[in-house]
PDB file of N, CA and C in Angstrom:
ATOM      1  N   MET A   1       0.876  -1.207   0.008  1.00  0.00           N
ATOM      2  CA  MET A   1      -0.031  -0.002  -0.034  1.00  0.00           C
ATOM      3  C   MET A   1       0.870   1.240   0.011  1.00  0.00           C
ATOM      4  N   ILE A   2       0.571   2.195  -0.842  1.00  0.00           N
ATOM      5  CA  ILE A   2       1.346   3.440  -0.929  1.00  0.00           C
ATOM      6  C   ILE A   2       0.728   4.446  -0.010  1.00  0.00           C
ATOM      7  N   ARG A   3       1.647   5.073   0.787  1.00  0.00           N
ATOM      8  CA  ARG A   3       1.105   6.062   1.725  1.00  0.00           C
ATOM      9  C   ARG A   3       0.575   7.356   1.018  1.00  0.00           C
ATOM     10  N   LYS A   4      -0.415   7.874   1.588  1.00  0.00           N
ATOM     11  CA  LYS A   4      -1.103   9.055   0.978  1.00  0.00           C
ATOM     12  C   LYS A   4      -0.127  10.235   0.885  1.00  0.00           C
ATOM     13  N   ASP A   5       0.683  10.411   1.930  1.00  0.00           N
ATOM     14  CA  ASP A   5       1.571  11.556   1.903  1.00  0.00           C
ATOM     15  C   ASP A   5       2.632  11.426   0.833  1.00  0.00           C
ATOM     16  N   TYR A   6       2.989  10.206   0.514  1.00  0.00           N
ATOM     17  CA  TYR A   6       3.944   9.997  -0.644  1.00  0.00           C
ATOM     18  C   TYR A   6       3.350  10.464  -1.916  1.00  0.00           C
ATOM     19  N   THR A   7       2.083  10.052  -2.179  1.00  0.00           N
ATOM     20  CA  THR A   7       1.433  10.416  -3.443  1.00  0.00           C
ATOM     21  C   THR A   7       1.184  11.916  -3.523  1.00  0.00           C
ATOM     22  N   ILE A   8       0.898  12.584  -2.359  1.00  0.00           N
ATOM     23  CA  ILE A   8       0.709  13.984  -2.402  1.00  0.00           C
ATOM     24  C   ILE A   8       2.003  14.732  -2.688  1.00  0.00           C
ATOM     25  N   ARG A   9       3.096  14.264  -2.096  1.00  0.00           N
ATOM     26  CA  ARG A   9       4.385  14.866  -2.284  1.00  0.00           C
ATOM     27  C   ARG A   9       4.839  14.627  -3.750  1.00  0.00           C
ATOM     28  N   ALA A  10       4.612  13.428  -4.270  1.00  0.00           N
ATOM     29  CA  ALA A  10       4.976  13.109  -5.648  1.00  0.00           C
ATOM     30  C   ALA A  10       4.095  13.989  -6.632  1.00  0.00           C
ATOM     31  N   GLY A  11       2.837  14.247  -6.281  1.00  0.00           N
ATOM     32  CA  GLY A  11       2.038  15.085  -7.136  1.00  0.00           C
ATOM     33  C   GLY A  11       2.510  16.561  -7.138  1.00  0.00           C
ATOM     34  N   LYS A  12       2.984  17.038  -6.045  1.00  0.00           N
ATOM     35  CA  LYS A  12       3.515  18.399  -5.984  1.00  0.00           C
ATOM     36  C   LYS A  12       4.799  18.508  -6.830  1.00  0.00           C
ATOM     37  N   VAL A  13       5.644  17.515  -6.696  1.00  0.00           N
ATOM     38  CA  VAL A  13       6.845  17.445  -7.543  1.00  0.00           C
ATOM     39  C   VAL A  13       6.529  17.431  -9.050  1.00  0.00           C
ATOM     40  N   ALA A  14       5.568  16.557  -9.387  1.00  0.00           N
ATOM     41  CA  ALA A  14       5.134  16.418 -10.776  1.00  0.00           C
ATOM     42  C   ALA A  14       4.536  17.720 -11.294  1.00  0.00           C
ATOM     43  N   LEU A  15       3.803  18.449 -10.465  1.00  0.00           N
ATOM     44  CA  LEU A  15       3.216  19.698 -10.882  1.00  0.00           C
ATOM     45  C   LEU A  15       4.290  20.692 -11.193  1.00  0.00           C
ATOM     46  N   VAL A  16       5.282  20.860 -10.266  1.00  0.00           N
ATOM     47  CA  VAL A  16       6.339  21.854 -10.541  1.00  0.00           C
ATOM     48  C   VAL A  16       7.209  21.458 -11.705  1.00  0.00           C
ATOM     49  N   VAL A  17       7.802  20.254 -11.602  1.00  0.00           N
ATOM     50  CA  VAL A  17       8.761  19.813 -12.617  1.00  0.00           C
ATOM     51  C   VAL A  17       8.042  19.598 -14.032  1.00  0.00           C
ATOM     52  N   GLY A  18       6.876  19.019 -13.984  1.00  0.00           N
ATOM     53  CA  GLY A  18       6.143  18.815 -15.254  1.00  0.00           C
ATOM     54  C   GLY A  18       5.792  20.181 -15.927  1.00  0.00           C
ATOM     55  N   THR A  19       5.327  21.170 -15.140  1.00  0.00           N
ATOM     56  CA  THR A  19       5.047  22.461 -15.694  1.00  0.00           C
ATOM     57  C   THR A  19       6.288  23.120 -16.311  1.00  0.00           C
ATOM     58  N   ALA A  20       7.375  23.048 -15.620  1.00  0.00           N
ATOM     59  CA  ALA A  20       8.627  23.648 -16.119  1.00  0.00           C
ATOM     60  C   ALA A  20       9.041  22.955 -17.400  1.00  0.00           C
ATOM     61  N   LEU A  21       9.006  21.587 -17.398  1.00  0.00           N
ATOM     62  CA  LEU A  21       9.427  20.868 -18.609  1.00  0.00           C
ATOM     63  C   LEU A  21       8.508  21.095 -19.775  1.00  0.00           C
ATOM     64  N   ASN A  22       7.218  21.088 -19.472  1.00  0.00           N
ATOM     65  CA  ASN A  22       6.246  21.389 -20.539  1.00  0.00           C
ATOM     66  C   ASN A  22       6.462  22.737 -21.156  1.00  0.00           C
ATOM     67  N   ALA A  23       6.740  23.741 -20.284  1.00  0.00           N
ATOM     68  CA  ALA A  23       6.988  25.099 -20.813  1.00  0.00           C
ATOM     69  C   ALA A  23       8.190  25.128 -21.709  1.00  0.00           C
ATOM     70  N   ILE A  24       9.249  24.386 -21.350  1.00  0.00           N
ATOM     71  CA  ILE A  24      10.418  24.308 -22.153  1.00  0.00           C
ATOM     72  C   ILE A  24      10.245  23.504 -23.446  1.00  0.00           C
ATOM     73  N   ASN A  25       9.648  22.305 -23.303  1.00  0.00           N
ATOM     74  CA  ASN A  25       9.546  21.403 -24.423  1.00  0.00           C
ATOM     75  C   ASN A  25       8.349  21.712 -25.365  1.00  0.00           C
ATOM     76  N   GLN A  26       7.325  22.293 -24.822  1.00  0.00           N
ATOM     77  CA  GLN A  26       6.135  22.567 -25.707  1.00  0.00           C
ATOM     78  C   GLN A  26       5.861  24.055 -25.758  1.00  0.00           C
ATOM     79  N   GLY A  27       6.826  24.874 -25.624  1.00  0.00           N
ATOM     80  CA  GLY A  27       6.691  26.288 -25.651  1.00  0.00           C
ATOM     81  C   GLY A  27       6.064  26.845 -26.925  1.00  0.00           C
ATOM     82  N   ASP A  28       6.326  26.144 -28.017  1.00  0.00           N
ATOM     83  CA  ASP A  28       5.769  26.578 -29.285  1.00  0.00           C
ATOM     84  C   ASP A  28       4.269  26.528 -29.348  1.00  0.00           C
ATOM     85  N   LEU A  29       3.641  25.679 -28.480  1.00  0.00           N
ATOM     86  CA  LEU A  29       2.193  25.590 -28.336  1.00  0.00           C
ATOM     87  C   LEU A  29       1.642  26.947 -27.851  1.00  0.00           C
ATOM     88  N   LEU A  30       2.421  27.573 -26.956  1.00  0.00           N
ATOM     89  CA  LEU A  30       2.036  28.835 -26.393  1.00  0.00           C
ATOM     90  C   LEU A  30       2.071  29.952 -27.452  1.00  0.00           C
ATOM     91  N   LEU A  31       2.895  29.725 -28.462  1.00  0.00           N
ATOM     92  CA  LEU A  31       3.004  30.710 -29.563  1.00  0.00           C
ATOM     93  C   LEU A  31       2.068  30.380 -30.747  1.00  0.00           C
ATOM     94  N   GLY A  32       1.161  29.460 -30.560  1.00  0.00           N
ATOM     95  CA  GLY A  32       0.150  29.168 -31.554  1.00  0.00           C
ATOM     96  C   GLY A  32       0.351  27.914 -32.357  1.00  0.00           C
ATOM     97  N   ALA A  33       1.306  27.097 -32.086  1.00  0.00           N
ATOM     98  CA  ALA A  33       1.493  25.809 -32.864  1.00  0.00           C
ATOM     99  C   ALA A  33       0.257  24.908 -32.577  1.00  0.00           C
ATOM    100  N   PRO A  34      -0.118  24.087 -33.552  1.00  0.00           N
ATOM    101  CA  PRO A  34      -1.320  23.257 -33.363  1.00  0.00           C
ATOM    102  C   PRO A  34      -1.074  22.166 -32.335  1.00  0.00           C
ATOM    103  N   MET A  35      -2.134  21.831 -31.604  1.00  0.00           N
ATOM    104  CA  MET A  35      -2.158  20.751 -30.596  1.00  0.00           C
ATOM    105  C   MET A  35      -2.483  19.509 -31.359  1.00  0.00           C
ATOM    106  N   THR A  36      -1.683  18.448 -31.127  1.00  0.00           N
ATOM    107  CA  THR A  36      -1.998  17.149 -31.740  1.00  0.00           C
ATOM    108  C   THR A  36      -2.115  16.079 -30.624  1.00  0.00           C
ATOM    109  N   LEU A  37      -2.593  14.946 -31.022  1.00  0.00           N
ATOM    110  CA  LEU A  37      -2.672  13.836 -30.068  1.00  0.00           C
ATOM    111  C   LEU A  37      -1.337  13.461 -29.510  1.00  0.00           C
ATOM    112  N   GLY A  38      -0.313  13.458 -30.393  1.00  0.00           N
ATOM    113  CA  GLY A  38       1.023  13.106 -29.929  1.00  0.00           C
ATOM    114  C   GLY A  38       1.531  14.075 -28.997  1.00  0.00           C
ATOM    115  N   ARG A  39       1.305  15.348 -29.181  1.00  0.00           N
ATOM    116  CA  ARG A  39       1.777  16.364 -28.270  1.00  0.00           C
ATOM    117  C   ARG A  39       1.043  16.226 -26.889  1.00  0.00           C
ATOM    118  N   GLY A  40      -0.246  15.911 -26.965  1.00  0.00           N
ATOM    119  CA  GLY A  40      -0.979  15.735 -25.735  1.00  0.00           C
ATOM    120  C   GLY A  40      -0.367  14.575 -24.928  1.00  0.00           C
ATOM    121  N   ALA A  41      -0.065  13.490 -25.597  1.00  0.00           N
ATOM    122  CA  ALA A  41       0.542  12.298 -24.942  1.00  0.00           C
ATOM    123  C   ALA A  41       1.869  12.736 -24.280  1.00  0.00           C
ATOM    124  N   GLN A  42       2.686  13.515 -25.042  1.00  0.00           N
ATOM    125  CA  GLN A  42       3.919  13.965 -24.516  1.00  0.00           C
ATOM    126  C   GLN A  42       3.742  14.821 -23.256  1.00  0.00           C
ATOM    127  N   MET A  43       2.800  15.646 -23.298  1.00  0.00           N
ATOM    128  CA  MET A  43       2.526  16.532 -22.163  1.00  0.00           C
ATOM    129  C   MET A  43       2.076  15.720 -20.925  1.00  0.00           C
ATOM    130  N   ILE A  44       1.228  14.757 -21.101  1.00  0.00           N
ATOM    131  CA  ILE A  44       0.889  13.879 -20.011  1.00  0.00           C
ATOM    132  C   ILE A  44       2.097  13.089 -19.474  1.00  0.00           C
ATOM    133  N   LEU A  45       2.930  12.558 -20.315  1.00  0.00           N
ATOM    134  CA  LEU A  45       4.102  11.799 -19.889  1.00  0.00           C
ATOM    135  C   LEU A  45       5.071  12.744 -19.170  1.00  0.00           C
ATOM    136  N   THR A  46       5.120  14.028 -19.540  1.00  0.00           N
ATOM    137  CA  THR A  46       6.018  14.946 -18.891  1.00  0.00           C
ATOM    138  C   THR A  46       5.633  15.196 -17.476  1.00  0.00           C
ATOM    139  N   PHE A  47       4.360  15.035 -17.118  1.00  0.00           N
ATOM    140  CA  PHE A  47       3.903  15.097 -15.742  1.00  0.00           C
ATOM    141  C   PHE A  47       4.013  13.733 -15.022  1.00  0.00           C
ATOM    142  N   LEU A  48       3.729  12.683 -15.770  1.00  0.00           N
ATOM    143  CA  LEU A  48       3.714  11.318 -15.180  1.00  0.00           C
ATOM    144  C   LEU A  48       5.120  10.873 -14.738  1.00  0.00           C
ATOM    145  N   VAL A  49       6.142  11.157 -15.558  1.00  0.00           N
ATOM    146  CA  VAL A  49       7.489  10.658 -15.299  1.00  0.00           C
ATOM    147  C   VAL A  49       8.026  11.227 -13.953  1.00  0.00           C
ATOM    148  N   PRO A  50       7.932  12.580 -13.735  1.00  0.00           N
ATOM    149  CA  PRO A  50       8.445  13.058 -12.401  1.00  0.00           C
ATOM    150  C   PRO A  50       7.594  12.565 -11.228  1.00  0.00           C
ATOM    151  N   PHE A  51       6.361  12.305 -11.450  1.00  0.00           N
ATOM    152  CA  PHE A  51       5.480  11.759 -10.372  1.00  0.00           C
ATOM    153  C   PHE A  51       6.023  10.354 -10.005  1.00  0.00           C
ATOM    154  N   LEU A  52       6.235   9.509 -11.008  1.00  0.00           N
ATOM    155  CA  LEU A  52       6.683   8.124 -10.759  1.00  0.00           C
ATOM    156  C   LEU A  52       8.105   8.095 -10.189  1.00  0.00           C
ATOM    157  N   VAL A  53       8.991   8.987 -10.663  1.00  0.00           N
ATOM    158  CA  VAL A  53      10.386   9.007 -10.161  1.00  0.00           C
ATOM    159  C   VAL A  53      10.342   9.414  -8.680  1.00  0.00           C
ATOM    160  N   SER A  54       9.575  10.462  -8.356  1.00  0.00           N
ATOM    161  CA  SER A  54       9.433  10.964  -6.988  1.00  0.00           C
ATOM    162  C   SER A  54       8.894   9.836  -6.055  1.00  0.00           C
ATOM    163  N   LEU A  55       7.861   9.223  -6.537  1.00  0.00           N
ATOM    164  CA  LEU A  55       7.192   8.168  -5.707  1.00  0.00           C
ATOM    165  C   LEU A  55       8.162   7.026  -5.495  1.00  0.00           C
ATOM    166  N   HIS A  56       8.884   6.606  -6.562  1.00  0.00           N
ATOM    167  CA  HIS A  56       9.827   5.522  -6.412  1.00  0.00           C
ATOM    168  C   HIS A  56      10.961   5.896  -5.402  1.00  0.00           C
ATOM    169  N   GLY A  57      11.494   7.095  -5.496  1.00  0.00           N
ATOM    170  CA  GLY A  57      12.483   7.542  -4.584  1.00  0.00           C
ATOM    171  C   GLY A  57      12.013   7.470  -3.074  1.00  0.00           C
ATOM    172  N   GLN A  58      10.833   7.907  -2.891  1.00  0.00           N
ATOM    173  CA  GLN A  58      10.306   7.869  -1.548  1.00  0.00           C
ATOM    174  C   GLN A  58      10.072   6.481  -1.043  1.00  0.00           C
ATOM    175  N   LEU A  59       9.593   5.583  -1.928  1.00  0.00           N
ATOM    176  CA  LEU A  59       9.334   4.249  -1.500  1.00  0.00           C
ATOM    177  C   LEU A  59      10.658   3.457  -1.289  1.00  0.00           C
ATOM    178  N   SER A  60      11.644   3.735  -2.133  1.00  0.00           N
ATOM    179  CA  SER A  60      12.901   3.032  -2.001  1.00  0.00           C
ATOM    180  C   SER A  60      13.713   3.478  -0.821  1.00  0.00           C
ATOM    181  N   SER A  61      13.472   4.707  -0.309  1.00  0.00           N
ATOM    182  CA  SER A  61      14.227   5.185   0.860  1.00  0.00           C
ATOM    183  C   SER A  61      13.442   5.035   2.178  1.00  0.00           C
ATOM    184  N   SER A  62      12.200   4.565   2.104  1.00  0.00           N
ATOM    185  CA  SER A  62      11.443   4.426   3.337  1.00  0.00           C
ATOM    186  C   SER A  62      11.909   3.107   4.091  1.00  0.00           C
ATOM    187  N   PRO A  63      11.767   3.091   5.369  1.00  0.00           N
ATOM    188  CA  PRO A  63      12.192   1.952   6.194  1.00  0.00           C
ATOM    189  C   PRO A  63      11.391   0.717   5.749  1.00  0.00           C
ATOM    190  N   LYS A  64      12.173  -0.380   5.664  1.00  0.00           N
ATOM    191  CA  LYS A  64      11.562  -1.643   5.246  1.00  0.00           C
ATOM    192  C   LYS A  64      11.058  -2.380   6.554  1.00  0.00           C
ATOM    193  N   PRO A  65       9.921  -3.111   6.466  1.00  0.00           N
ATOM    194  CA  PRO A  65       9.455  -3.814   7.642  1.00  0.00           C
ATOM    195  C   PRO A  65      10.436  -4.962   7.959  1.00  0.00           C
ATOM    196  N   ASP A  66      10.590  -5.181   9.282  1.00  0.00           N
ATOM    197  CA  ASP A  66      11.386  -6.264   9.762  1.00  0.00           C
ATOM    198  C   ASP A  66      10.583  -7.507   9.930  1.00  0.00           C
ATOM    199  N   PRO A  67      10.731  -8.501   9.117  1.00  0.00           N
ATOM    200  CA  PRO A  67       9.856  -9.708   9.187  1.00  0.00           C
ATOM    201  C   PRO A  67       9.959 -10.450  10.564  1.00  0.00           C
ATOM    202  N   GLN A  68      11.116 -10.178  11.330  1.00  0.00           N
ATOM    203  CA  GLN A  68      11.265 -10.879  12.618  1.00  0.00           C
ATOM    204  C   GLN A  68      10.669 -10.127  13.758  1.00  0.00           C
ATOM    205  N   ALA A  69      10.322  -8.840  13.553  1.00  0.00           N
ATOM    206  CA  ALA A  69       9.705  -8.060  14.551  1.00  0.00           C
ATOM    207  C   ALA A  69       8.253  -8.417  14.718  1.00  0.00           C
ATOM    208  N   PRO A  70       7.652  -8.285  15.868  1.00  0.00           N
ATOM    209  CA  PRO A  70       6.259  -8.601  16.063  1.00  0.00           C
ATOM    210  C   PRO A  70       5.385  -7.810  15.143  1.00  0.00           C
ATOM    211  N   GLY A  71       4.566  -8.472  14.344  1.00  0.00           N
ATOM    212  CA  GLY A  71       3.693  -7.761  13.409  1.00  0.00           C
ATOM    213  C   GLY A  71       4.419  -7.440  12.140  1.00  0.00           C
ATOM    214  N   GLY A  72       5.713  -7.726  12.047  1.00  0.00           N
ATOM    215  CA  GLY A  72       6.496  -7.402  10.797  1.00  0.00           C
ATOM    216  C   GLY A  72       6.797  -5.956  10.653  1.00  0.00           C
ATOM    217  N   HIS A  73       6.765  -5.135  11.702  1.00  0.00           N
ATOM    218  CA  HIS A  73       6.969  -3.715  11.591  1.00  0.00           C
ATOM    219  C   HIS A  73       8.392  -3.354  11.968  1.00  0.00           C
ATOM    220  N   GLN A  74       8.871  -2.276  11.414  1.00  0.00           N
ATOM    221  CA  GLN A  74      10.168  -1.721  11.667  1.00  0.00           C
ATOM    222  C   GLN A  74      10.171  -1.164  13.128  1.00  0.00           C
ATOM    223  N   PRO A  75      11.140  -1.600  13.928  1.00  0.00           N
ATOM    224  CA  PRO A  75      11.134  -1.022  15.257  1.00  0.00           C
ATOM    225  C   PRO A  75      11.592   0.431  15.183  1.00  0.00           C
ATOM    226  N   PRO A  76      11.161   1.298  16.124  1.00  0.00           N
ATOM    227  CA  PRO A  76      11.552   2.711  16.039  1.00  0.00           C
ATOM    228  C   PRO A  76      13.058   2.848  16.351  1.00  0.00           C
ATOM    229  N   SER A  77      13.669   3.718  15.528  1.00  0.00           N
ATOM    230  CA  SER A  77      15.110   3.914  15.662  1.00  0.00           C
ATOM    231  C   SER A  77      15.385   4.843  16.871  1.00  0.00           C
ATOM    232  N   GLY A  78      16.279   4.468  17.741  1.00  0.00           N
ATOM    233  CA  GLY A  78      16.612   5.295  18.840  1.00  0.00           C
ATOM    234  C   GLY A  78      17.980   5.965  18.628  1.00  0.00           C
ATOM    235  N   GLY A  79      17.970   7.209  18.079  1.00  0.00           N
ATOM    236  CA  GLY A  79      19.182   7.824  17.619  1.00  0.00           C
ATOM    237  C   GLY A  79      19.805   8.645  18.639  1.00  0.00           C
TER     238      GLY A  79
END
């Protein structure tokens, strides 16, 4: 199960990074170039990729459950 806060954070990253990349890569659309199905797909992927990369990074760096701990949960770290 993916934590809700991870998806919210990944969505924020995708919004910022995807908007910047779309402005750079599809800037001619703002100047009146025609919108096509292919360009629409590119724009969607430009938001999807940062979302997935951010989510993957968060999931891969999160603590892993300890199968030997009661309930299979990670014990709290005492730092």
